[in-house]
Every structure is written in structure tokens, then in C-alpha cells.
Amino acid sequence: MNAPAHHEIVVLGAGYTGLMATARLAHRTRRQKVRITLVNPSERFTERLRIHQIAAGRKLADHRIPEVLAGTGVEFRRAAAASIDPEDRRVTLDDGAVLHYDTLVYALGSTTEATRVPGVAEHAWTLDDPRAAHRFARRLTESAAAGGAVTVAGGGLTGIEAATEIAESHPGVTVTLISSSEPGAMMGARARAHLTRALDRLGVVRKAGVRVTKVLPDAVRLSSGEHMRSDLTLWTAGVRVSPLAAESGIATDTHGLIVTDPTLRSVSHPEIYAIGDAAAVRQAWGRIHGTCQSGLPTAAYAADAITRRLLGRTVKPFRFGYFHQPVSLGRKDAVIQFTHADDTPKRWYLKGRAAVMYKESVSGSPVPFMKLSRRMNVVVTLSKGGRATRTTG
């Protein structure tokens, strides 16, 4: 008599969410007939939360995905998914290999939107790839020596962190932060005031209420009509996701995110789970926006949901609420805005050295959590949202 076949689980993407889901799945299914394959183009794990530090010239630890997963039995495939056939449940890789799956975890994440504004793709830098960030750092050193000008486009948390990191580490450059609204507008008044003082202290020039309409080799053009010198332009405005899901016939929203049910399964193909930036996840208070803070809980939840279904158990809907907005302001300062479940600010915030330690613990926790997840179920959700998520959105 033939032994029961293994249940094949394929995970696409080894960012924060894909790697966390894989490690947790390996632990949760270790006593079941399950085979897990993780697919990613690089064997190096990219700490997206820290790439702005690389761009400013700092060195980070080199985390290798096979080492993070050591002892789990997971097969790591260094490749990229070229296509998905959701009807036959197959993934074709760019090296020609074909993987069959019974369950697919789609964790391809997002990248910076670089196609909507003329000149961005040709002349601007992004924080998507550590290799590009290292090249930017070398150019930044040259620019600082010559008293150059650096423009950071985008006043969200990534743009603020990049602008302050660059200004602190390279005081020889003039750093200008371009934002369609006031930097830190999502924060409460007191946290925003501290952020503003930090920008002033570091000499970061702000131009709020305007947008970059064109990036040139040595300048940017603003919606106000101003033509501003920019030896290096760092683009942090807007995100885009892989078109793979939409091209494969999986139900997506207008942004290309996989539309999920309350348990993070694709509404068109329930054997596919979408997590992190790749998923359109709704709660009673609204739709989750892509952050590591929300991504890790989707990864842990998906691993648990897959395991429970394999055991024939019921699965409760995913619940999540935001807890904080941690922002580094260089290496010596930070501000933490605590939030309601829908990411609107509460009264409480943290600043200065205490905030620096808090922020560092947040940024440094994912890799240790992933390694611990090989042996135990680590809690990665700071808040399930309380009353705000007790009904399904």
C-alpha cells in the first residue's frame, strides 16, 4: 500500500512576511506529512526597515535565508516565480523548474512606484535593493565632499528616516525633503513637533504641499514650477506590487493586491493565501496598509490557519489593529507615536533616547523572531484591535 502523499506548500517571496510564514509553518507542521518550498531570487534576507541606513553609508548584518531556516527541513529555491497556473496549481520559475502546490503562500511584497513620474526610473534612486543602496552611499560620499544637494521625495515615514539619516551622517550635503503634506502629518501634534525640531536641528530643508513632477539627471522639477538642483534624488513616494497575481487570473483589486477572505485566502482560489503587502486585507475599521507591523501578523496567522485546516480544525477570522508609528531620526533620536487600531494617533508618544531604544528593538526583532519560530510559536501581533476588530470588515 502506498504511503500518503505529502501536502506540498510553496511560499513565494522571502521578505519579512514570507520568511516568517515559512519558519512558523515548518514548526507547526513538523509532525505532519508536509513539504515546504521557499522561493526567492536571493539567498540574502533584506532588512527593508534598515535600507535607509545602508544608503547613508552604514553596514548591516548579513543574514542568509538558508541559515535562518537551518534545521527546519524547508527546501530553499533561489529563483523567481515567472508564472502561476492556479487551476493546475503549478508555479513556473525563471530557471525553468515547475513546482506543484497544494497550498500556495503569496508573499511577493512591494517595491517603490517608479513609473508614474517622468525621470524617476532613469535618474532617481530607491530603497528597494541593498546593492543599489550601497551604490547610492558611495555617490553620497562624493557629493558630500563637494557640498552637494540631495533630494528625498516623499514625506512618509521612510522618507523622513532617510532624510534624517543622510543629514546626520553627511553634514556636507544639503538635504531637501519634498512632501505633498506636512512631514509627519499622520502623527499627533506633540510627536510631530518633536519630529520638526529634529529636522531643524539636522538642517533638513522642507518643501511641503508640492510634488516632484519630473526628475532630471541633476535637478527636480516641482509642481510649483520651481526647478531645483539635485545631485542625488532618493525616491520614497508610492508603492507598487508584482503584476504576477493579476496576470495569473487570481482576483486582485485595482492596485494588484490579492483580494482575500477574512482568513487571508484568495476569494477566487482559496488554496492561495496572500500576506503582507501583496494582500488586500480589510478589518472593520478599514483596509490594512502595508507595513512590517501588519505584515508579520498576517504571516503568523496564515501559517496557523494552514496548519489548523490541515488538522481539520476551524479557523477564526484574522484580527489586527495598529499599535505605533516608530520613526528613527538619525542614530541619536527617534519618535514613537502610539496609535488607535486604525492607525490614527493617540495622545501618547515617546521621544529621544528612550524612543531610540524602542525603535531599535522594533527594527531588530524580525530576524530573531524568525529564528525562534523554528522552535516555538512567537507572538508577533502587538494588537488585535480590540473592539475595533470584533466584527469582520
Protein backbone atom coordinates (compact mmCIF):
# COMPACT_ATOMS: atom_id res chain seq x y z
CA MET A 1 0.00 0.00 0.00
CA ASN A 2 1.38 3.43 -0.95
CA ALA A 3 2.13 5.86 1.85
CA PRO A 4 0.00 9.03 1.92
CA ALA A 5 1.40 11.78 -0.30
CA HIS A 6 2.89 14.88 1.23
CA HIS A 7 0.94 18.11 1.27
CA GLU A 8 3.04 20.50 -0.82
CA ILE A 9 3.29 24.09 0.42
CA VAL A 10 5.08 26.65 -1.75
CA VAL A 11 5.92 30.09 -0.39
CA LEU A 12 6.72 32.83 -2.91
CA GLY A 13 8.91 35.59 -1.50
CA ALA A 14 11.30 35.66 1.46
CA GLY A 15 10.86 39.15 2.80
CA TYR A 16 9.65 39.73 6.33
CA THR A 17 6.31 38.02 5.75
CA GLY A 18 7.40 35.13 3.53
CA LEU A 19 10.31 34.13 5.77
CA MET A 20 8.24 34.42 8.95
CA ALA A 21 5.42 32.34 7.45
CA THR A 22 7.90 29.69 6.30
CA ALA A 23 9.67 29.36 9.66
CA ARG A 24 6.38 29.18 11.55
CA LEU A 25 4.88 26.68 9.09
CA ALA A 26 7.93 24.45 9.43
CA HIS A 27 7.48 24.34 13.20
CA ARG A 28 3.69 24.00 13.20
CA THR A 29 3.62 21.19 10.61
CA ARG A 30 6.71 19.29 11.75
CA ARG A 31 4.67 16.22 12.72
CA GLN A 32 2.57 16.17 9.55
CA LYS A 33 3.27 14.91 6.04
CA VAL A 34 4.10 18.34 4.67
CA ARG A 35 6.83 19.57 2.36
CA ILE A 36 7.62 23.28 2.27
CA THR A 37 9.48 25.03 -0.54
CA LEU A 38 10.51 28.69 -0.26
CA VAL A 39 11.23 30.57 -3.49
CA ASN A 40 13.24 33.81 -3.55
CA PRO A 41 15.64 35.39 -6.09
CA SER A 42 18.36 35.96 -3.49
CA GLU A 43 19.56 33.90 -0.54
CA ARG A 44 20.25 37.09 1.40
CA PHE A 45 17.48 38.37 3.64
CA THR A 46 16.88 42.07 3.08
CA GLU A 47 16.07 44.14 6.17
CA ARG A 48 13.84 46.66 4.42
CA LEU A 49 13.40 48.55 7.68
CA ARG A 50 17.10 49.40 7.63
CA ILE A 51 17.95 50.04 3.97
CA HIS A 52 17.97 53.80 4.57
CA GLN A 53 20.93 53.16 6.89
CA ILE A 54 22.82 51.45 4.06
CA ALA A 55 22.06 54.42 1.80
CA ALA A 56 23.62 56.70 4.40
CA GLY A 57 26.79 54.59 4.42
CA ARG A 58 26.28 52.23 7.36
CA LYS A 59 26.98 48.48 7.31
CA LEU A 60 24.36 45.96 8.37
CA ALA A 61 24.48 42.32 9.37
CA ASP A 62 24.47 39.79 6.54
CA HIS A 63 21.54 37.41 7.15
CA ARG A 64 21.32 34.38 4.86
CA ILE A 65 17.93 32.75 4.35
CA PRO A 66 19.23 29.13 4.47
CA GLU A 67 20.89 29.92 7.81
CA VAL A 68 17.70 31.45 9.22
CA LEU A 69 15.85 28.25 8.24
CA ALA A 70 18.59 25.83 9.31
CA GLY A 71 17.21 22.60 10.73
CA THR A 72 13.63 23.16 9.53
CA GLY A 73 13.70 20.84 6.51
CA VAL A 74 12.47 23.64 4.23
CA GLU A 75 13.77 23.47 0.67
CA PHE A 76 15.06 26.86 -0.47
CA ARG A 77 14.96 27.58 -4.21
CA ARG A 78 16.99 30.55 -5.40
CA ALA A 79 14.77 31.70 -8.24
CA ALA A 80 11.85 33.96 -9.05
CA ALA A 81 8.30 32.95 -9.91
CA ALA A 82 7.71 33.57 -13.61
CA SER A 83 4.08 32.43 -13.76
CA ILE A 84 1.35 30.78 -11.70
CA ASP A 85 -1.24 28.36 -13.03
CA PRO A 86 -3.88 28.45 -10.27
CA GLU A 87 -6.10 25.88 -11.99
CA ASP A 88 -3.40 23.19 -12.15
CA ARG A 89 -1.74 24.56 -9.00
CA ARG A 90 1.69 25.00 -10.55
CA VAL A 91 4.36 27.68 -10.31
CA THR A 92 6.91 28.04 -13.09
CA LEU A 93 10.23 29.54 -12.01
CA ASP A 94 12.54 31.70 -14.09
CA ASP A 95 15.08 28.85 -14.17
CA GLY A 96 12.52 26.65 -15.96
CA ALA A 97 11.60 24.49 -12.96
CA VAL A 98 7.93 23.78 -12.26
CA LEU A 99 6.63 23.38 -8.70
CA HIS A 100 3.30 21.78 -7.82
CA TYR A 101 1.50 23.06 -4.76
CA ASP A 102 -1.48 22.07 -2.67
CA THR A 103 -1.24 25.34 -0.76
CA LEU A 104 0.45 28.49 -2.03
CA VAL A 105 1.54 31.38 0.19
CA TYR A 106 1.88 34.52 -1.91
CA ALA A 107 4.28 36.94 -0.18
CA LEU A 108 5.90 38.88 -3.01
CA GLY A 109 5.64 42.21 -1.23
CA SER A 110 6.00 45.59 -2.89
CA THR A 111 8.53 47.95 -4.43
CA THR A 112 8.71 51.70 -4.89
CA GLU A 113 6.48 53.10 -7.62
CA ALA A 114 8.94 54.46 -10.18
CA THR A 115 6.89 54.67 -13.37
CA ARG A 116 4.29 57.41 -12.85
CA VAL A 117 6.60 60.43 -12.66
CA PRO A 118 8.89 61.11 -15.64
CA GLY A 119 12.58 60.57 -14.95
CA VAL A 120 12.23 58.57 -11.75
CA ALA A 121 13.20 55.22 -13.29
CA GLU A 122 16.14 56.77 -15.16
CA HIS A 123 17.57 59.25 -12.66
CA ALA A 124 16.26 58.58 -9.13
CA TRP A 125 17.38 56.06 -6.53
CA THR A 126 15.10 53.88 -4.42
CA LEU A 127 15.42 51.83 -1.23
CA ASP A 128 14.30 48.54 -2.76
CA ASP A 129 17.67 46.81 -3.17
CA PRO A 130 20.66 46.82 -0.77
CA ARG A 131 23.05 46.73 -3.72
CA ALA A 132 21.61 49.94 -5.13
CA ALA A 133 21.67 51.46 -1.63
CA HIS A 134 25.41 50.71 -1.40
CA ARG A 135 25.99 52.44 -4.76
CA PHE A 136 23.94 55.41 -3.57
CA ALA A 137 26.09 55.58 -0.43
CA ARG A 138 29.28 55.81 -2.49
CA ARG A 139 27.79 58.60 -4.61
CA LEU A 140 26.59 60.32 -1.45
CA THR A 141 30.11 60.39 -0.01
CA GLU A 142 31.38 62.04 -3.20
CA SER A 143 28.53 64.54 -3.15
CA ALA A 144 29.17 65.43 0.49
CA ALA A 145 32.82 66.17 -0.27
CA ALA A 146 31.71 68.57 -2.98
CA GLY A 147 28.98 70.23 -0.91
CA GLY A 148 26.23 68.64 -2.98
CA ALA A 149 22.44 68.63 -2.79
CA VAL A 150 20.28 65.58 -2.07
CA THR A 151 16.53 65.48 -2.57
CA VAL A 152 14.32 62.96 -0.78
CA ALA A 153 10.93 62.72 -2.47
CA GLY A 154 8.16 61.53 -0.15
CA GLY A 155 7.30 62.74 3.34
CA GLY A 156 6.12 59.42 4.77
CA LEU A 157 7.99 57.54 7.46
CA THR A 158 10.54 56.09 5.00
CA GLY A 159 11.32 59.50 3.53
CA ILE A 160 11.70 61.08 6.98
CA GLU A 161 14.03 58.32 8.17
CA ALA A 162 16.13 58.55 5.01
CA ALA A 163 16.40 62.34 5.10
CA THR A 164 17.44 62.46 8.76
CA GLU A 165 19.88 59.56 8.42
CA ILE A 166 21.59 61.20 5.44
CA ALA A 167 21.69 64.65 7.04
CA GLU A 168 23.19 63.30 10.27
CA SER A 169 25.84 61.11 8.64
CA HIS A 170 26.77 63.56 5.85
CA PRO A 171 26.54 67.13 7.14
CA GLY A 172 28.35 68.29 3.99
CA VAL A 173 25.24 67.83 1.83
CA THR A 174 22.09 69.90 1.73
CA VAL A 175 19.14 67.55 2.23
CA THR A 176 15.71 68.64 1.00
CA LEU A 177 12.58 66.68 1.85
CA ILE A 178 9.72 67.07 -0.66
CA SER A 179 6.26 66.19 0.64
CA SER A 180 2.71 66.71 -0.60
CA SER A 181 1.70 67.28 3.04
CA GLU A 182 3.49 68.24 6.23
CA PRO A 183 6.12 65.62 7.19
CA GLY A 184 4.71 63.50 9.98
CA ALA A 185 1.14 64.60 9.22
CA MET A 186 -0.10 61.19 10.36
CA MET A 187 1.20 61.83 13.89
CA GLY A 188 -0.26 63.75 16.80
CA ALA A 189 0.73 67.37 17.37
CA ARG A 190 3.34 66.72 20.10
CA ALA A 191 5.11 63.88 18.27
CA ARG A 192 5.06 65.93 15.08
CA ALA A 193 6.56 68.91 16.93
CA HIS A 194 9.46 66.75 18.12
CA LEU A 195 9.98 65.47 14.57
CA THR A 196 10.01 69.05 13.27
CA ARG A 197 12.62 70.07 15.84
CA ALA A 198 14.80 67.13 14.78
CA LEU A 199 14.55 68.13 11.12
CA ASP A 200 15.52 71.70 12.06
CA ARG A 201 18.44 70.50 14.18
CA LEU A 202 19.77 68.37 11.31
CA GLY A 203 19.31 71.15 8.77
CA VAL A 204 16.82 69.27 6.59
CA VAL A 205 15.10 71.71 4.23
CA ARG A 206 11.37 71.02 3.79
CA LYS A 207 9.12 71.82 0.88
CA ALA A 208 5.61 70.77 1.85
CA GLY A 209 2.47 70.95 -0.24
CA VAL A 210 4.30 70.31 -3.52
CA ARG A 211 5.14 67.26 -5.61
CA VAL A 212 8.04 66.33 -7.85
CA THR A 213 6.73 66.33 -11.42
CA LYS A 214 9.96 65.37 -13.17
CA VAL A 215 13.37 64.06 -12.18
CA LEU A 216 16.37 65.19 -14.23
CA PRO A 217 19.99 63.98 -14.00
CA ASP A 218 20.96 66.89 -11.74
CA ALA A 219 17.67 68.52 -10.73
CA VAL A 220 14.00 68.04 -9.96
CA ARG A 221 11.00 69.98 -11.21
CA LEU A 222 8.25 70.71 -8.70
CA SER A 223 4.51 71.16 -9.15
CA SER A 224 5.01 74.79 -8.07
CA GLY A 225 7.07 75.33 -11.22
CA GLU A 226 10.36 75.54 -9.30
CA HIS A 227 13.43 73.92 -10.88
CA MET A 228 15.64 72.74 -8.00
CA ARG A 229 19.21 71.45 -8.08
CA SER A 230 19.53 67.81 -7.00
CA ASP A 231 22.79 65.92 -7.41
CA LEU A 232 21.14 62.80 -5.97
CA THR A 233 17.40 62.15 -5.83
CA LEU A 234 16.06 59.45 -3.50
CA TRP A 235 12.51 58.39 -4.35
CA THR A 236 10.35 57.07 -1.49
CA ALA A 237 6.88 58.11 -2.73
CA GLY A 238 4.34 55.44 -3.67
CA VAL A 239 4.42 51.64 -3.85
CA ARG A 240 3.59 49.02 -6.44
CA VAL A 241 3.13 45.26 -6.23
CA SER A 242 4.12 42.48 -8.58
CA PRO A 243 1.68 42.02 -11.50
CA LEU A 244 2.09 38.24 -11.23
CA ALA A 245 -1.17 37.61 -9.35
CA ALA A 246 -3.30 39.63 -11.75
CA GLU A 247 -1.57 38.12 -14.79
CA SER A 248 -2.27 34.64 -13.39
CA GLY A 249 -6.02 35.17 -13.12
CA ILE A 250 -6.11 35.49 -9.34
CA ALA A 251 -8.69 38.01 -8.15
CA THR A 252 -6.99 41.34 -7.36
CA ASP A 253 -8.10 44.87 -6.57
CA THR A 254 -7.32 47.95 -8.68
CA HIS A 255 -3.82 48.11 -7.17
CA GLY A 256 -2.97 44.48 -7.99
CA LEU A 257 -3.30 43.20 -4.43
CA ILE A 258 -4.90 39.78 -3.97
CA VAL A 259 -8.42 40.13 -2.58
CA THR A 260 -8.72 37.93 0.50
CA ASP A 261 -11.48 36.49 2.62
CA PRO A 262 -11.47 37.03 6.43
CA THR A 263 -8.93 34.19 6.79
CA LEU A 264 -6.45 35.63 4.23
CA ARG A 265 -7.34 33.17 1.46
CA SER A 266 -7.82 34.36 -2.10
CA VAL A 267 -11.53 34.85 -2.79
CA SER A 268 -11.06 33.27 -6.23
CA HIS A 269 -8.61 30.49 -5.29
CA PRO A 270 -8.90 29.53 -1.60
CA GLU A 271 -5.82 27.30 -1.72
CA ILE A 272 -3.80 30.54 -2.10
CA TYR A 273 -3.04 32.65 0.98
CA ALA A 274 -1.90 36.25 0.45
CA ILE A 275 0.07 38.03 3.16
CA GLY A 276 1.86 41.32 3.76
CA ASP A 277 1.95 44.00 1.08
CA ALA A 278 0.58 41.55 -1.53
CA ALA A 279 -2.81 41.19 0.20
CA ALA A 280 -5.88 43.42 0.27
CA VAL A 281 -6.91 42.77 3.86
CA ARG A 282 -9.92 44.51 5.39
CA GLN A 283 -10.85 44.94 9.02
CA ALA A 284 -13.98 46.52 10.45
CA TRP A 285 -12.13 49.86 10.71
CA GLY A 286 -10.84 49.79 7.10
CA ARG A 287 -8.12 48.31 4.91
CA ILE A 288 -4.68 47.47 6.25
CA HIS A 289 -1.81 49.32 4.58
CA GLY A 290 1.50 47.60 4.03
CA THR A 291 3.99 47.79 6.89
CA CYS A 292 6.18 45.30 8.72
CA GLN A 293 3.93 45.93 11.74
CA SER A 294 0.93 44.48 9.89
CA GLY A 295 2.86 42.07 7.66
CA LEU A 296 4.33 39.83 10.36
CA PRO A 297 0.92 39.20 11.95
CA THR A 298 -0.53 38.19 8.56
CA ALA A 299 2.39 35.78 8.11
CA ALA A 300 1.99 34.16 11.53
CA TYR A 301 -1.78 33.98 11.14
CA ALA A 302 -1.56 32.36 7.69
CA ALA A 303 0.86 29.71 8.98
CA ASP A 304 -1.51 28.96 11.86
CA ALA A 305 -4.58 28.91 9.60
CA ILE A 306 -2.95 26.50 7.13
CA THR A 307 -1.95 24.21 9.99
CA ARG A 308 -5.41 24.24 11.54
CA ARG A 309 -7.09 23.42 8.25
CA LEU A 310 -4.69 20.53 7.65
CA LEU A 311 -5.80 19.18 11.02
CA GLY A 312 -9.48 19.65 10.15
CA ARG A 313 -9.97 22.44 12.68
CA THR A 314 -11.94 25.66 12.32
CA VAL A 315 -10.20 28.96 11.63
CA LYS A 316 -11.28 32.25 13.17
CA PRO A 317 -11.05 35.46 11.09
CA PHE A 318 -7.83 37.45 11.09
CA ARG A 319 -7.85 40.40 13.50
CA PHE A 320 -5.33 43.22 13.57
CA GLY A 321 -5.03 46.76 14.85
CA TYR A 322 -2.13 49.20 14.57
CA PHE A 323 -0.23 49.99 17.76
CA HIS A 324 2.52 52.52 16.93
CA GLN A 325 4.36 54.56 14.33
CA PRO A 326 8.09 54.24 15.16
CA VAL A 327 10.37 56.69 13.33
CA SER A 328 14.14 56.99 13.61
CA LEU A 329 15.57 60.50 13.28
CA GLY A 330 19.18 59.57 12.67
CA ARG A 331 21.07 57.33 15.07
CA LYS A 332 20.67 59.55 18.16
CA ASP A 333 16.99 60.47 18.10
CA ALA A 334 13.60 58.97 17.34
CA VAL A 335 9.91 59.48 17.97
CA ILE A 336 7.24 56.85 18.59
CA GLN A 337 3.59 57.78 18.07
CA PHE A 338 1.19 55.31 19.70
CA THR A 339 -2.00 54.78 17.75
CA HIS A 340 -5.54 53.50 17.72
CA ALA A 341 -6.33 50.34 15.76
CA ASP A 342 -6.96 52.33 12.56
CA ASP A 343 -3.50 53.98 12.82
CA THR A 344 -4.83 57.37 13.95
CA PRO A 345 -2.75 58.91 16.74
CA LYS A 346 -3.41 58.55 20.44
CA ARG A 347 -2.25 61.14 22.97
CA TRP A 348 0.79 59.11 23.97
CA TYR A 349 4.19 59.30 22.30
CA LEU A 350 7.84 58.63 23.11
CA LYS A 351 10.85 60.72 22.12
CA GLY A 352 14.62 60.97 22.47
CA ARG A 353 16.89 58.20 23.75
CA ALA A 354 14.02 56.08 25.06
CA ALA A 355 12.48 56.22 21.59
CA VAL A 356 15.83 55.28 20.02
CA MET A 357 15.97 52.10 22.11
CA TYR A 358 12.32 51.35 21.37
CA LYS A 359 12.80 51.84 17.63
CA GLU A 360 15.95 49.69 17.59
CA SER A 361 14.13 46.87 19.36
CA VAL A 362 11.37 47.05 16.74
CA SER A 363 13.73 47.13 13.75
CA GLY A 364 15.97 44.41 15.15
CA SER A 365 13.28 41.95 16.23
CA PRO A 366 12.15 40.24 12.98
CA VAL A 367 15.20 38.02 12.37
CA PRO A 368 15.43 36.76 15.98
CA PHE A 369 11.66 36.16 15.90
CA MET A 370 12.04 34.12 12.70
CA LYS A 371 14.79 32.00 14.22
CA LEU A 372 12.74 31.45 17.38
CA SER A 373 9.76 30.50 15.23
CA ARG A 374 11.63 27.37 14.16
CA ARG A 375 11.10 26.05 17.69
CA MET A 376 8.11 27.85 19.20
CA ASN A 377 5.06 29.96 18.35
CA VAL A 378 6.33 33.51 18.76
CA VAL A 379 3.82 36.30 19.41
CA VAL A 380 4.32 38.94 16.70
CA THR A 381 1.00 40.78 16.95
CA LEU A 382 1.13 43.82 19.23
CA SER A 383 -2.61 44.43 18.98
CA LYS A 384 -5.62 42.61 17.55
CA GLY A 385 -7.52 45.87 17.53
CA GLY A 386 -9.82 45.32 20.50
CA ARG A 387 -13.40 46.40 19.89
CA ALA A 388 -12.46 47.88 16.52
CA THR A 389 -11.94 44.40 15.00
CA ARG A 390 -14.54 42.28 16.76
CA THR A 391 -16.70 42.32 13.63
CA THR A 392 -15.44 41.40 10.17
CA GLY A 393 -14.88 44.31 7.79
